[in-house]
Amino acid sequence: EFLGQSPPTSPRASQSPLMFRPEMPVIPLQRPDDLSFPKPPWMQIRSDYEESRPEPCIPTMITWSYGGTDVALEGSWDDWKSRKPLQRSGKDFTVMMVLPSGVYRYRFVVDGHWRHSTDQPWEQDYSGNAYNILDLQEYVPEDVDSISGFEPPQSPESSYDNTQLSQDDFSKDPPMVPPHLNSTLLNAPSPQMEIPHPFSRPQHVVLNHLYMHRDRNRPSVVALGSTNRFLSKYVTVVLYKSIQR
């Protein structure tokens, strides 16, 4: 008896599909990077002090000694934006620059042509253009009085026996090699590991010398080595050569 009757309509289906509940506009959330908070007064004062504190500058004289009529200077201290003329002083051209500490690149403009000074440190870029290098470091005046407290105390006079030198002291031959030259890289034992241990900074007395080392187990091979310094880097070159004919 229920076959002839239609099913009851759903209350949800009787409503129009175009009827929506109105939404209130909401301000989107900001990301943490976009949020700005007011700084405390003490932080603001410190920031203003740091910005107003001048950076110490170092005066340096730059000289051009290779002739010319009109000589100017440009460099990386102002991103190559300006040219500063040099003043003639006899056969040279000079200019006084006052710059903060750092490493700068510069070049001369001599009669409209780019030039670099070969008696000053210089390098080339990937395009082959040559630039001079200016390395300015903060100058710290030497205060001898400030280090007097670190000097070791003098030894007492009672520690000296004042013995007279004998004839044997004058007959001894001097050593063939000074003792400090034995601590070279050629005489250092090689570490038994896959990753070699980094060497310590060599002494200044072993620089710019040529050393030869011959191993008793391999008398037919001789090693030649030399250590040189380039700015703050130390480069050691070792050449292994066979002496068999």
Foldseek 3Di string as FASTA:
>chain_A
DCPVPDDDDDPVVVDDPPDDDDDDDDDDDDDPVPDDDDDDPVVVVVVVVVVPDDAAWDKDKDKDQDDADWKWKAKPQVDRPDIHTFPDDPRMTMDIDIGHADKMWMWMQGPNDTHHDPVAAWDADPVGDITGMDGGDDDDDDDPVVCPVVDDDDDDPVVDPPDDDDPVVVPDDDDPDPPLLCPDPVNDDWDPDPDGDDDDDRDPVQAPDWDKDADPVCNQKIKIKHWHDDPPDIDMDIDIDGPDD
